[in-house]
């Protein structure tokens, strides 16, 4: 909890304010509709309760759920990164970094990132499967015709690489890395980034 607060203090304040305003607007809208059609409003005590729930209760509930999800994701990511060979990523240049830092709507999370062939590889755990580790590298967007998109999609799909306009993602299942050591992993990531470079893509930071 202490780490969550230290990384997201300003975002927590912003999100509480934003959700409070949105909730109040929705409440006032429905109260207005009720007044228009039924020409009545809740009594003073009832109105105060509704406003307090919308302005304070519901935003705090949303924050509690978001905090719980953040903590679960952090636990899953840490557990995955203690599994060989991912527990030795520091040996090939991966260091602590933060994702979601620039976003107001997503909480900042701590992970690992490294640079290979001038591409930044950011590590995360798949949202759909906590047993899959993702290495994503953001790239500069390119205008591609349908034929190129189809060819690239087929090429990378055959290699188990997810191809998106803003980046590429290489995945590893924790169930299938028994024979994978840190040297082989580095070689695999070098091949991955070399292929991206060969296809004419550039690092987002380049």
N, C-alpha and C. Protein backbone atom coordinates (compact mmCIF):
# COMPACT_ATOMS: atom_id res chain seq x y z
N UNK A 1 0.83 -1.20 0.00
CA UNK A 1 0.00 0.00 0.00
C UNK A 1 0.87 1.26 0.00
N UNK A 2 1.97 1.20 0.75
CA UNK A 2 2.87 2.34 0.84
C UNK A 2 3.47 2.66 -0.53
N UNK A 3 3.85 1.61 -1.28
CA UNK A 3 4.41 1.81 -2.62
C UNK A 3 3.37 2.39 -3.55
N UNK A 4 2.15 1.89 -3.46
CA UNK A 4 1.06 2.39 -4.30
C UNK A 4 0.84 3.87 -4.07
N UNK A 5 0.82 4.28 -2.83
CA UNK A 5 0.59 5.69 -2.50
C UNK A 5 1.74 6.58 -2.95
N UNK A 6 2.96 6.10 -2.78
CA UNK A 6 4.12 6.91 -3.16
C UNK A 6 4.20 7.10 -4.67
N UNK A 7 3.75 6.10 -5.44
CA UNK A 7 3.81 6.19 -6.90
C UNK A 7 2.62 6.93 -7.50
N UNK A 8 1.51 6.96 -6.76
CA UNK A 8 0.27 7.45 -7.38
C UNK A 8 -0.47 8.51 -6.57
N UNK A 9 0.22 9.19 -5.71
CA UNK A 9 -0.44 10.17 -4.84
C UNK A 9 -1.25 11.19 -5.63
N UNK A 10 -0.63 11.82 -6.63
CA UNK A 10 -1.32 12.85 -7.40
C UNK A 10 -2.45 12.26 -8.24
N UNK A 11 -2.25 11.06 -8.75
CA UNK A 11 -3.29 10.42 -9.57
C UNK A 11 -4.50 10.05 -8.72
N UNK A 12 -4.28 9.63 -7.49
CA UNK A 12 -5.37 9.29 -6.60
C UNK A 12 -6.27 10.51 -6.37
N UNK A 13 -5.64 11.66 -6.13
CA UNK A 13 -6.40 12.90 -5.91
C UNK A 13 -7.21 13.25 -7.15
N UNK A 14 -6.55 13.16 -8.31
CA UNK A 14 -7.22 13.50 -9.57
C UNK A 14 -8.39 12.56 -9.85
N UNK A 15 -8.17 11.25 -9.67
CA UNK A 15 -9.22 10.27 -9.97
C UNK A 15 -10.40 10.40 -9.00
N UNK A 16 -10.11 10.68 -7.73
CA UNK A 16 -11.19 10.88 -6.77
C UNK A 16 -12.04 12.09 -7.15
N UNK A 17 -11.36 13.17 -7.55
CA UNK A 17 -12.09 14.38 -7.96
C UNK A 17 -12.91 14.12 -9.22
N UNK A 18 -12.28 13.48 -10.20
CA UNK A 18 -12.95 13.23 -11.49
C UNK A 18 -14.16 12.33 -11.33
N UNK A 19 -13.99 11.20 -10.59
CA UNK A 19 -15.12 10.28 -10.42
C UNK A 19 -16.22 10.91 -9.57
N UNK A 20 -15.84 11.75 -8.63
CA UNK A 20 -16.83 12.44 -7.80
C UNK A 20 -17.68 13.38 -8.65
N UNK A 21 -17.03 14.13 -9.52
CA UNK A 21 -17.75 15.07 -10.39
C UNK A 21 -18.67 14.32 -11.35
N UNK A 22 -18.15 13.24 -11.95
CA UNK A 22 -18.95 12.45 -12.88
C UNK A 22 -20.17 11.85 -12.17
N UNK A 23 -19.97 11.31 -10.98
CA UNK A 23 -21.07 10.72 -10.23
C UNK A 23 -22.14 11.76 -9.87
N UNK A 24 -21.68 12.93 -9.47
CA UNK A 24 -22.63 13.99 -9.11
C UNK A 24 -23.42 14.45 -10.32
N UNK A 25 -22.75 14.56 -11.46
CA UNK A 25 -23.45 14.96 -12.68
C UNK A 25 -24.53 13.94 -13.05
N UNK A 26 -24.20 12.66 -12.91
CA UNK A 26 -25.17 11.60 -13.21
C UNK A 26 -26.35 11.67 -12.24
N UNK A 27 -26.04 11.87 -10.97
CA UNK A 27 -27.09 11.95 -9.95
C UNK A 27 -28.01 13.14 -10.23
N UNK A 28 -27.41 14.31 -10.50
CA UNK A 28 -28.22 15.50 -10.77
C UNK A 28 -29.06 15.34 -12.03
N UNK A 29 -28.53 14.61 -13.01
CA UNK A 29 -29.27 14.36 -14.24
C UNK A 29 -30.52 13.54 -13.95
N UNK A 30 -30.36 12.47 -13.17
CA UNK A 30 -31.52 11.62 -12.86
C UNK A 30 -32.51 12.33 -11.94
N UNK A 31 -31.99 13.16 -11.04
CA UNK A 31 -32.89 13.93 -10.18
C UNK A 31 -33.70 14.93 -11.01
N UNK A 32 -33.03 15.51 -11.99
CA UNK A 32 -33.70 16.46 -12.89
C UNK A 32 -34.80 15.76 -13.69
N UNK A 33 -34.47 14.58 -14.23
CA UNK A 33 -35.46 13.80 -14.98
C UNK A 33 -36.64 13.43 -14.09
N UNK A 34 -36.34 13.05 -12.87
CA UNK A 34 -37.41 12.68 -11.94
C UNK A 34 -38.30 13.88 -11.64
N UNK A 35 -37.68 15.02 -11.48
CA UNK A 35 -38.46 16.24 -11.18
C UNK A 35 -39.33 16.63 -12.37
N UNK A 36 -38.77 16.47 -13.58
CA UNK A 36 -39.52 16.82 -14.79
C UNK A 36 -40.76 15.94 -14.95
N UNK A 37 -40.59 14.65 -14.73
CA UNK A 37 -41.69 13.71 -14.98
C UNK A 37 -42.61 13.49 -13.79
N UNK A 38 -42.04 13.55 -12.58
CA UNK A 38 -42.86 13.28 -11.40
C UNK A 38 -43.07 14.51 -10.52
N UNK A 39 -42.32 15.56 -10.83
CA UNK A 39 -42.40 16.81 -10.07
C UNK A 39 -42.17 16.59 -8.58
N UNK A 40 -41.17 15.76 -8.30
CA UNK A 40 -40.83 15.51 -6.90
C UNK A 40 -39.35 15.20 -6.76
N UNK A 41 -38.82 15.46 -5.58
CA UNK A 41 -37.43 15.17 -5.24
C UNK A 41 -37.39 14.47 -3.89
N UNK A 42 -36.30 13.76 -3.59
CA UNK A 42 -36.18 13.15 -2.26
C UNK A 42 -36.18 14.23 -1.18
N UNK A 43 -36.53 13.84 0.03
CA UNK A 43 -36.49 14.81 1.13
C UNK A 43 -35.05 15.22 1.39
N UNK A 44 -34.86 16.21 2.22
CA UNK A 44 -33.53 16.79 2.45
C UNK A 44 -32.52 15.75 2.92
N UNK A 45 -32.90 14.93 3.88
CA UNK A 45 -31.98 13.90 4.40
C UNK A 45 -31.64 12.90 3.31
N UNK A 46 -32.65 12.48 2.56
CA UNK A 46 -32.42 11.54 1.47
C UNK A 46 -31.52 12.12 0.41
N UNK A 47 -31.72 13.41 0.10
CA UNK A 47 -30.91 14.09 -0.91
C UNK A 47 -29.45 14.18 -0.46
N UNK A 48 -29.24 14.49 0.82
CA UNK A 48 -27.88 14.59 1.36
C UNK A 48 -27.19 13.22 1.29
N UNK A 49 -27.92 12.16 1.63
CA UNK A 49 -27.34 10.81 1.57
C UNK A 49 -26.92 10.45 0.15
N UNK A 50 -27.81 10.76 -0.80
CA UNK A 50 -27.50 10.46 -2.20
C UNK A 50 -26.27 11.20 -2.67
N UNK A 51 -26.18 12.47 -2.32
CA UNK A 51 -25.04 13.30 -2.73
C UNK A 51 -23.75 12.80 -2.08
N UNK A 52 -23.81 12.44 -0.80
CA UNK A 52 -22.62 11.94 -0.10
C UNK A 52 -22.13 10.62 -0.70
N UNK A 53 -23.09 9.76 -1.02
CA UNK A 53 -22.72 8.48 -1.64
C UNK A 53 -22.07 8.71 -2.99
N UNK A 54 -22.64 9.62 -3.78
CA UNK A 54 -22.10 9.90 -5.10
C UNK A 54 -20.78 10.64 -5.07
N UNK A 55 -20.65 11.59 -4.14
CA UNK A 55 -19.45 12.43 -4.10
C UNK A 55 -18.29 11.79 -3.36
N UNK A 56 -18.60 10.92 -2.39
CA UNK A 56 -17.53 10.35 -1.57
C UNK A 56 -17.54 8.81 -1.59
N UNK A 57 -18.69 8.22 -1.32
CA UNK A 57 -18.76 6.77 -1.19
C UNK A 57 -18.38 6.02 -2.45
N UNK A 58 -19.02 6.35 -3.57
CA UNK A 58 -18.75 5.62 -4.81
C UNK A 58 -17.31 5.83 -5.30
N UNK A 59 -16.78 7.06 -5.32
CA UNK A 59 -15.37 7.24 -5.71
C UNK A 59 -14.40 6.45 -4.85
N UNK A 60 -14.65 6.39 -3.54
CA UNK A 60 -13.78 5.61 -2.66
C UNK A 60 -13.87 4.12 -2.95
N UNK A 61 -15.07 3.66 -3.29
CA UNK A 61 -15.26 2.26 -3.65
C UNK A 61 -14.49 1.93 -4.94
N UNK A 62 -14.57 2.81 -5.92
CA UNK A 62 -13.84 2.63 -7.18
C UNK A 62 -12.33 2.61 -6.92
N UNK A 63 -11.88 3.52 -6.06
CA UNK A 63 -10.46 3.58 -5.73
C UNK A 63 -10.02 2.31 -5.02
N UNK A 64 -10.85 1.78 -4.14
CA UNK A 64 -10.52 0.54 -3.42
C UNK A 64 -10.37 -0.62 -4.40
N UNK A 65 -11.27 -0.73 -5.36
CA UNK A 65 -11.18 -1.79 -6.36
C UNK A 65 -9.92 -1.64 -7.21
N UNK A 66 -9.61 -0.40 -7.60
CA UNK A 66 -8.44 -0.14 -8.43
C UNK A 66 -7.16 -0.46 -7.66
N UNK A 67 -7.14 -0.13 -6.38
CA UNK A 67 -5.97 -0.42 -5.54
C UNK A 67 -5.77 -1.92 -5.40
N UNK A 68 -6.86 -2.64 -5.22
CA UNK A 68 -6.79 -4.10 -5.10
C UNK A 68 -6.26 -4.72 -6.40
N UNK A 69 -6.77 -4.25 -7.53
CA UNK A 69 -6.31 -4.76 -8.82
C UNK A 69 -4.83 -4.47 -9.02
N UNK A 70 -4.40 -3.26 -8.64
CA UNK A 70 -2.99 -2.87 -8.77
C UNK A 70 -2.11 -3.80 -7.93
N UNK A 71 -2.53 -4.08 -6.71
CA UNK A 71 -1.76 -4.94 -5.81
C UNK A 71 -1.67 -6.37 -6.34
N UNK A 72 -2.78 -6.88 -6.89
CA UNK A 72 -2.79 -8.23 -7.46
C UNK A 72 -1.85 -8.31 -8.65
N UNK A 73 -1.91 -7.33 -9.54
CA UNK A 73 -1.05 -7.30 -10.72
C UNK A 73 0.42 -7.23 -10.30
N UNK A 74 0.71 -6.45 -9.28
CA UNK A 74 2.09 -6.33 -8.79
C UNK A 74 2.59 -7.66 -8.24
N UNK A 75 1.74 -8.34 -7.51
CA UNK A 75 2.10 -9.64 -6.93
C UNK A 75 2.35 -10.67 -8.04
N UNK A 76 1.48 -10.69 -9.04
CA UNK A 76 1.62 -11.63 -10.16
C UNK A 76 2.90 -11.35 -10.93
N UNK A 77 3.18 -10.06 -11.21
CA UNK A 77 4.37 -9.70 -11.97
C UNK A 77 5.65 -10.09 -11.20
N UNK A 78 5.66 -9.81 -9.92
CA UNK A 78 6.84 -10.16 -9.11
C UNK A 78 7.06 -11.66 -9.06
N UNK A 79 5.98 -12.40 -8.93
CA UNK A 79 6.11 -13.85 -8.88
C UNK A 79 6.64 -14.39 -10.20
N UNK A 80 6.13 -13.86 -11.31
CA UNK A 80 6.58 -14.31 -12.64
C UNK A 80 8.06 -14.00 -12.85
N UNK A 81 8.50 -12.86 -12.35
CA UNK A 81 9.89 -12.44 -12.55
C UNK A 81 10.87 -13.11 -11.59
N UNK A 82 10.36 -13.99 -10.75
CA UNK A 82 11.25 -14.78 -9.89
C UNK A 82 11.44 -16.18 -10.46
N UNK A 83 10.77 -16.44 -11.60
CA UNK A 83 10.90 -17.75 -12.25
C UNK A 83 12.05 -17.72 -13.25
N UNK A 84 12.92 -18.75 -13.25
CA UNK A 84 14.02 -18.82 -14.22
C UNK A 84 13.48 -18.88 -15.65
N UNK A 85 14.11 -18.25 -16.62
CA UNK A 85 15.35 -17.45 -16.49
C UNK A 85 15.08 -15.97 -16.24
N UNK A 86 13.80 -15.61 -16.00
CA UNK A 86 13.44 -14.20 -15.87
C UNK A 86 13.93 -13.58 -14.57
N UNK A 87 14.40 -14.43 -13.66
CA UNK A 87 14.96 -13.90 -12.42
C UNK A 87 16.39 -13.38 -12.61
N UNK A 88 16.93 -13.56 -13.83
CA UNK A 88 18.30 -13.11 -14.11
C UNK A 88 18.33 -12.01 -15.18
N UNK A 89 17.23 -11.35 -15.39
CA UNK A 89 17.16 -10.33 -16.45
C UNK A 89 18.12 -9.17 -16.20
N UNK A 90 18.41 -8.89 -14.94
CA UNK A 90 19.36 -7.82 -14.63
C UNK A 90 20.74 -8.10 -15.24
N UNK A 91 21.05 -9.38 -15.42
CA UNK A 91 22.36 -9.75 -15.98
C UNK A 91 22.50 -9.36 -17.45
N UNK A 92 21.38 -9.15 -18.13
CA UNK A 92 21.46 -8.74 -19.53
C UNK A 92 20.97 -7.29 -19.72
N UNK A 93 21.04 -6.53 -18.64
CA UNK A 93 20.81 -5.09 -18.74
C UNK A 93 19.43 -4.58 -18.40
N UNK A 94 18.54 -5.43 -17.92
CA UNK A 94 17.21 -4.96 -17.56
C UNK A 94 17.24 -4.30 -16.18
N UNK A 95 16.56 -3.19 -16.07
CA UNK A 95 16.51 -2.44 -14.81
C UNK A 95 15.08 -2.02 -14.50
N UNK A 96 14.87 -1.53 -13.30
CA UNK A 96 13.54 -1.09 -12.89
C UNK A 96 13.07 0.10 -13.73
N UNK A 97 11.80 0.09 -14.07
CA UNK A 97 11.20 1.21 -14.77
C UNK A 97 9.74 1.31 -14.35
N UNK A 98 9.05 2.31 -14.87
CA UNK A 98 7.65 2.51 -14.50
C UNK A 98 6.78 2.63 -15.74
N UNK A 99 5.62 2.00 -15.72
CA UNK A 99 4.67 2.09 -16.83
C UNK A 99 3.43 2.84 -16.36
N UNK A 100 2.82 3.55 -17.28
CA UNK A 100 1.64 4.33 -16.94
C UNK A 100 1.94 5.63 -16.24
N UNK A 101 3.21 6.01 -16.23
CA UNK A 101 3.62 7.19 -15.46
C UNK A 101 3.04 8.48 -16.02
N UNK A 102 2.90 8.55 -17.34
CA UNK A 102 2.43 9.78 -17.98
C UNK A 102 0.90 9.86 -18.05
N UNK A 103 0.22 8.79 -17.73
CA UNK A 103 -1.24 8.77 -17.84
C UNK A 103 -1.91 9.24 -16.54
N UNK A 104 -2.99 10.01 -16.69
CA UNK A 104 -3.75 10.45 -15.53
C UNK A 104 -4.74 9.38 -15.08
N UNK A 105 -5.14 8.52 -16.03
CA UNK A 105 -6.22 7.58 -15.76
C UNK A 105 -5.74 6.18 -15.40
N UNK A 106 -4.45 5.91 -15.60
CA UNK A 106 -3.89 4.60 -15.24
C UNK A 106 -2.84 4.78 -14.16
N UNK A 107 -2.89 3.92 -13.16
CA UNK A 107 -1.93 4.03 -12.08
C UNK A 107 -0.54 3.61 -12.53
N UNK A 108 0.46 4.23 -11.96
CA UNK A 108 1.85 3.91 -12.26
C UNK A 108 2.21 2.55 -11.65
N UNK A 109 2.86 1.72 -12.45
CA UNK A 109 3.27 0.40 -11.99
C UNK A 109 4.77 0.20 -12.23
N UNK A 110 5.39 -0.55 -11.35
CA UNK A 110 6.82 -0.81 -11.45
C UNK A 110 7.07 -2.13 -12.17
N UNK A 111 8.02 -2.11 -13.11
CA UNK A 111 8.36 -3.32 -13.84
C UNK A 111 9.84 -3.25 -14.25
N UNK A 112 10.24 -4.08 -15.21
CA UNK A 112 11.61 -4.07 -15.72
C UNK A 112 11.61 -3.70 -17.20
N UNK A 113 12.69 -3.08 -17.64
CA UNK A 113 12.84 -2.74 -19.06
C UNK A 113 14.32 -2.80 -19.41
N UNK A 114 14.59 -3.15 -20.66
CA UNK A 114 15.97 -3.21 -21.13
C UNK A 114 16.04 -2.77 -22.58
N UNK A 115 17.24 -2.53 -23.05
CA UNK A 115 17.43 -2.08 -24.43
C UNK A 115 18.25 -3.12 -25.20
N UNK A 116 17.70 -3.56 -26.33
CA UNK A 116 18.39 -4.51 -27.20
C UNK A 116 18.23 -4.03 -28.65
N UNK A 117 19.35 -3.88 -29.34
CA UNK A 117 19.34 -3.37 -30.72
C UNK A 117 18.61 -2.04 -30.82
N UNK A 118 18.81 -1.21 -29.80
CA UNK A 118 18.21 0.14 -29.74
C UNK A 118 16.71 0.14 -29.51
N UNK A 119 16.12 -1.03 -29.28
CA UNK A 119 14.69 -1.10 -28.98
C UNK A 119 14.51 -1.31 -27.47
N UNK A 120 13.59 -0.56 -26.90
CA UNK A 120 13.28 -0.72 -25.48
C UNK A 120 12.26 -1.83 -25.30
N UNK A 121 12.60 -2.80 -24.47
CA UNK A 121 11.70 -3.93 -24.19
C UNK A 121 11.13 -3.76 -22.78
N UNK A 122 9.82 -3.64 -22.71
CA UNK A 122 9.14 -3.45 -21.43
C UNK A 122 8.42 -4.74 -21.04
N UNK A 123 8.63 -5.17 -19.83
CA UNK A 123 8.07 -6.45 -19.38
C UNK A 123 6.75 -6.26 -18.65
N UNK A 124 5.82 -7.16 -18.97
CA UNK A 124 4.56 -7.19 -18.24
C UNK A 124 4.03 -8.61 -18.25
N UNK A 125 2.97 -8.82 -17.51
CA UNK A 125 2.30 -10.13 -17.50
C UNK A 125 1.00 -9.99 -18.27
N UNK A 126 0.68 -10.97 -19.09
CA UNK A 126 -0.52 -10.92 -19.91
C UNK A 126 -1.77 -10.73 -19.05
N UNK A 127 -2.68 -9.88 -19.52
CA UNK A 127 -3.92 -9.63 -18.79
C UNK A 127 -4.82 -10.87 -18.80
N UNK A 128 -4.72 -11.65 -19.85
CA UNK A 128 -5.60 -12.81 -19.99
C UNK A 128 -5.04 -14.09 -19.37
N UNK A 129 -3.71 -14.10 -19.14
CA UNK A 129 -3.07 -15.30 -18.59
C UNK A 129 -1.86 -14.90 -17.76
N UNK A 130 -1.96 -15.06 -16.46
CA UNK A 130 -0.87 -14.64 -15.57
C UNK A 130 0.37 -15.50 -15.69
N UNK A 131 0.28 -16.59 -16.47
CA UNK A 131 1.44 -17.47 -16.67
C UNK A 131 2.22 -17.12 -17.93
N UNK A 132 1.87 -16.00 -18.55
CA UNK A 132 2.56 -15.56 -19.76
C UNK A 132 3.23 -14.22 -19.53
N UNK A 133 4.53 -14.18 -19.81
CA UNK A 133 5.30 -12.94 -19.68
C UNK A 133 5.43 -12.30 -21.06
N UNK A 134 5.21 -10.99 -21.11
CA UNK A 134 5.27 -10.25 -22.37
C UNK A 134 6.47 -9.31 -22.39
N UNK A 135 7.14 -9.27 -23.53
CA UNK A 135 8.20 -8.30 -23.79
C UNK A 135 7.69 -7.40 -24.91
N UNK A 136 7.29 -6.20 -24.58
CA UNK A 136 6.74 -5.30 -25.59
C UNK A 136 7.73 -4.20 -25.92
N UNK A 137 7.88 -3.92 -27.22
CA UNK A 137 8.73 -2.82 -27.65
C UNK A 137 7.91 -1.84 -28.46
N UNK A 138 7.75 -0.62 -27.98
CA UNK A 138 7.00 0.41 -28.72
C UNK A 138 7.80 0.84 -29.95
N UNK A 139 7.12 1.06 -31.07
CA UNK A 139 7.79 1.51 -32.29
C UNK A 139 7.05 2.71 -32.87
N UNK A 140 7.75 3.43 -33.75
CA UNK A 140 7.11 4.55 -34.44
C UNK A 140 6.07 4.01 -35.41
N UNK A 141 4.94 4.65 -35.46
CA UNK A 141 3.87 4.22 -36.35
C UNK A 141 4.27 4.42 -37.80
N UNK A 142 3.87 3.47 -38.63
CA UNK A 142 4.12 3.54 -40.07
C UNK A 142 2.82 3.36 -40.83
N UNK A 143 2.75 4.02 -41.99
CA UNK A 143 1.59 3.83 -42.85
C UNK A 143 1.86 2.61 -43.73
N UNK A 144 1.04 1.58 -43.57
CA UNK A 144 1.23 0.34 -44.31
C UNK A 144 -0.02 0.03 -45.14
N UNK A 145 0.20 -0.49 -46.34
CA UNK A 145 -0.95 -0.89 -47.15
C UNK A 145 -1.45 -2.26 -46.68
N UNK A 146 -2.58 -2.68 -47.23
CA UNK A 146 -3.20 -3.91 -46.78
C UNK A 146 -2.31 -5.14 -47.01
N UNK A 147 -1.61 -5.12 -48.14
CA UNK A 147 -0.74 -6.26 -48.46
C UNK A 147 0.39 -6.40 -47.45
N UNK A 148 1.01 -5.26 -47.07
CA UNK A 148 2.10 -5.28 -46.08
C UNK A 148 1.57 -5.70 -44.71
N UNK A 149 0.41 -5.19 -44.36
CA UNK A 149 -0.18 -5.54 -43.07
C UNK A 149 -0.45 -7.03 -42.97
N UNK A 150 -0.98 -7.59 -44.05
CA UNK A 150 -1.29 -9.01 -44.08
C UNK A 150 -0.03 -9.85 -44.00
N UNK A 151 1.00 -9.43 -44.75
CA UNK A 151 2.27 -10.17 -44.76
C UNK A 151 2.94 -10.12 -43.38
N UNK A 152 3.00 -8.93 -42.80
CA UNK A 152 3.65 -8.78 -41.49
C UNK A 152 2.89 -9.52 -40.40
N UNK A 153 1.57 -9.44 -40.47
CA UNK A 153 0.76 -10.12 -39.48
C UNK A 153 0.99 -11.63 -39.54
N UNK A 154 1.05 -12.17 -40.75
CA UNK A 154 1.29 -13.61 -40.92
C UNK A 154 2.70 -13.98 -40.47
N UNK A 155 3.68 -13.15 -40.85
CA UNK A 155 5.08 -13.41 -40.49
C UNK A 155 5.27 -13.47 -38.98
N UNK A 156 4.80 -12.45 -38.29
CA UNK A 156 5.01 -12.39 -36.85
C UNK A 156 4.13 -13.36 -36.08
N UNK A 157 2.97 -13.64 -36.62
CA UNK A 157 2.10 -14.61 -35.96
C UNK A 157 2.73 -16.00 -35.95
N UNK A 158 3.39 -16.35 -37.05
CA UNK A 158 4.06 -17.64 -37.13
C UNK A 158 5.20 -17.75 -36.12
N UNK A 159 5.76 -16.61 -35.74
CA UNK A 159 6.87 -16.59 -34.79
C UNK A 159 6.41 -16.34 -33.36
N UNK A 160 5.08 -16.31 -33.17
CA UNK A 160 4.55 -16.09 -31.83
C UNK A 160 4.71 -14.67 -31.34
N UNK A 161 4.70 -13.73 -32.29
CA UNK A 161 4.87 -12.31 -31.95
C UNK A 161 3.58 -11.57 -32.28
N UNK A 162 3.11 -10.78 -31.34
CA UNK A 162 1.91 -9.99 -31.56
C UNK A 162 2.29 -8.68 -32.24
N UNK A 163 1.69 -8.42 -33.38
CA UNK A 163 2.00 -7.23 -34.17
C UNK A 163 0.86 -6.23 -34.07
N UNK A 164 1.18 -5.03 -33.58
CA UNK A 164 0.21 -3.95 -33.48
C UNK A 164 0.83 -2.68 -34.06
N UNK A 165 0.01 -1.71 -34.46
CA UNK A 165 0.56 -0.49 -35.07
C UNK A 165 1.57 0.26 -34.20
N UNK A 166 1.41 0.16 -32.89
CA UNK A 166 2.28 0.92 -31.99
C UNK A 166 3.40 0.09 -31.37
N UNK A 167 3.50 -1.19 -31.74
CA UNK A 167 4.57 -1.99 -31.15
C UNK A 167 4.43 -3.47 -31.39
N UNK A 168 5.42 -4.20 -30.92
CA UNK A 168 5.46 -5.66 -31.06
C UNK A 168 5.60 -6.28 -29.68
N UNK A 169 4.98 -7.44 -29.51
CA UNK A 169 5.04 -8.13 -28.22
C UNK A 169 5.47 -9.57 -28.40
N UNK A 170 6.54 -9.92 -27.73
CA UNK A 170 7.05 -11.30 -27.71
C UNK A 170 6.63 -11.93 -26.39
N UNK A 171 6.01 -13.10 -26.47
CA UNK A 171 5.49 -13.72 -25.25
C UNK A 171 6.21 -15.03 -24.92
N UNK A 172 6.24 -15.34 -23.63
CA UNK A 172 6.82 -16.59 -23.14
C UNK A 172 5.89 -17.17 -22.08
N UNK A 173 5.55 -18.43 -22.24
CA UNK A 173 4.75 -19.11 -21.24
C UNK A 173 5.67 -19.70 -20.18
N UNK A 174 5.34 -19.48 -18.93
CA UNK A 174 6.16 -20.00 -17.83
C UNK A 174 6.16 -21.52 -17.82
N UNK A 175 5.18 -22.13 -18.49
CA UNK A 175 5.11 -23.58 -18.54
C UNK A 175 6.09 -24.17 -19.56
N UNK A 176 6.54 -23.32 -20.51
CA UNK A 176 7.35 -23.84 -21.61
C UNK A 176 8.76 -23.24 -21.68
N UNK A 177 9.31 -22.90 -20.53
CA UNK A 177 10.65 -22.29 -20.53
C UNK A 177 11.65 -23.11 -19.73
N UNK A 178 11.38 -24.40 -19.61
CA UNK A 178 12.25 -25.28 -18.82
C UNK A 178 13.68 -25.27 -19.36
N UNK A 179 13.82 -25.30 -20.68
CA UNK A 179 15.15 -25.37 -21.29
C UNK A 179 15.69 -24.00 -21.68
N UNK A 180 15.00 -22.95 -21.28
CA UNK A 180 15.42 -21.60 -21.64
C UNK A 180 16.25 -20.98 -20.52
N UNK A 181 17.53 -20.69 -20.82
CA UNK A 181 18.37 -19.99 -19.83
C UNK A 181 18.51 -18.54 -20.25
N UNK A 182 19.20 -17.76 -19.45
CA UNK A 182 19.29 -16.32 -19.70
C UNK A 182 20.06 -16.01 -20.97
N UNK A 183 21.03 -16.85 -21.33
CA UNK A 183 21.79 -16.62 -22.57
C UNK A 183 20.90 -16.84 -23.79
N UNK A 184 20.13 -17.94 -23.77
CA UNK A 184 19.22 -18.23 -24.88
C UNK A 184 18.13 -17.17 -24.97
N UNK A 185 17.68 -16.70 -23.83
CA UNK A 185 16.65 -15.66 -23.82
C UNK A 185 17.18 -14.38 -24.47
N UNK A 186 18.40 -14.02 -24.13
CA UNK A 186 19.01 -12.82 -24.72
C UNK A 186 19.13 -12.98 -26.23
N UNK A 187 19.57 -14.15 -26.68
CA UNK A 187 19.71 -14.40 -28.12
C UNK A 187 18.36 -14.33 -28.81
N UNK A 188 17.35 -14.85 -28.15
CA UNK A 188 16.00 -14.84 -28.71
C UNK A 188 15.48 -13.40 -28.85
N UNK A 189 15.72 -12.59 -27.83
CA UNK A 189 15.28 -11.19 -27.86
C UNK A 189 16.08 -10.39 -28.90
N UNK A 190 17.34 -10.76 -29.09
CA UNK A 190 18.14 -10.11 -30.13
C UNK A 190 17.60 -10.43 -31.52
N UNK A 191 17.20 -11.69 -31.72
CA UNK A 191 16.61 -12.09 -33.00
C UNK A 191 15.28 -11.38 -33.22
N UNK A 192 14.52 -11.27 -32.16
CA UNK A 192 13.22 -10.60 -32.19
C UNK A 192 13.36 -9.14 -32.64
N UNK A 193 14.26 -8.41 -32.00
CA UNK A 193 14.44 -7.00 -32.33
C UNK A 193 15.14 -6.82 -33.68
N UNK A 194 16.01 -7.75 -34.03
CA UNK A 194 16.68 -7.66 -35.34
C UNK A 194 15.67 -7.80 -36.47
N UNK A 195 14.70 -8.66 -36.29
CA UNK A 195 13.66 -8.85 -37.30
C UNK A 195 12.82 -7.59 -37.45
N UNK A 196 12.50 -6.97 -36.34
CA UNK A 196 11.73 -5.73 -36.38
C UNK A 196 12.50 -4.65 -37.14
N UNK A 197 13.81 -4.58 -36.85
CA UNK A 197 14.67 -3.61 -37.51
C UNK A 197 14.76 -3.90 -39.01
N UNK A 198 14.88 -5.18 -39.33
CA UNK A 198 14.97 -5.60 -40.74
C UNK A 198 13.72 -5.22 -41.52
N UNK A 199 12.57 -5.24 -40.85
CA UNK A 199 11.31 -4.90 -41.51
C UNK A 199 11.08 -3.40 -41.58
N UNK A 200 12.08 -2.63 -41.18
CA UNK A 200 12.01 -1.17 -41.35
C UNK A 200 11.35 -0.39 -40.24
N UNK A 201 11.15 -1.02 -39.09
CA UNK A 201 10.55 -0.30 -37.97
C UNK A 201 11.63 0.34 -37.11
N UNK A 202 11.28 1.45 -36.49
CA UNK A 202 12.21 2.17 -35.62
C UNK A 202 11.65 2.26 -34.21
N UNK A 203 12.55 2.29 -33.27
CA UNK A 203 12.14 2.44 -31.87
C UNK A 203 11.38 3.74 -31.68
N UNK A 204 10.39 3.72 -30.84
CA UNK A 204 9.60 4.91 -30.53
C UNK A 204 10.48 6.04 -30.01
N UNK A 205 11.55 5.67 -29.36
CA UNK A 205 12.45 6.67 -28.78
C UNK A 205 13.55 7.10 -29.74
N UNK A 206 13.66 6.39 -30.89
CA UNK A 206 14.73 6.67 -31.83
C UNK A 206 14.51 7.90 -32.67
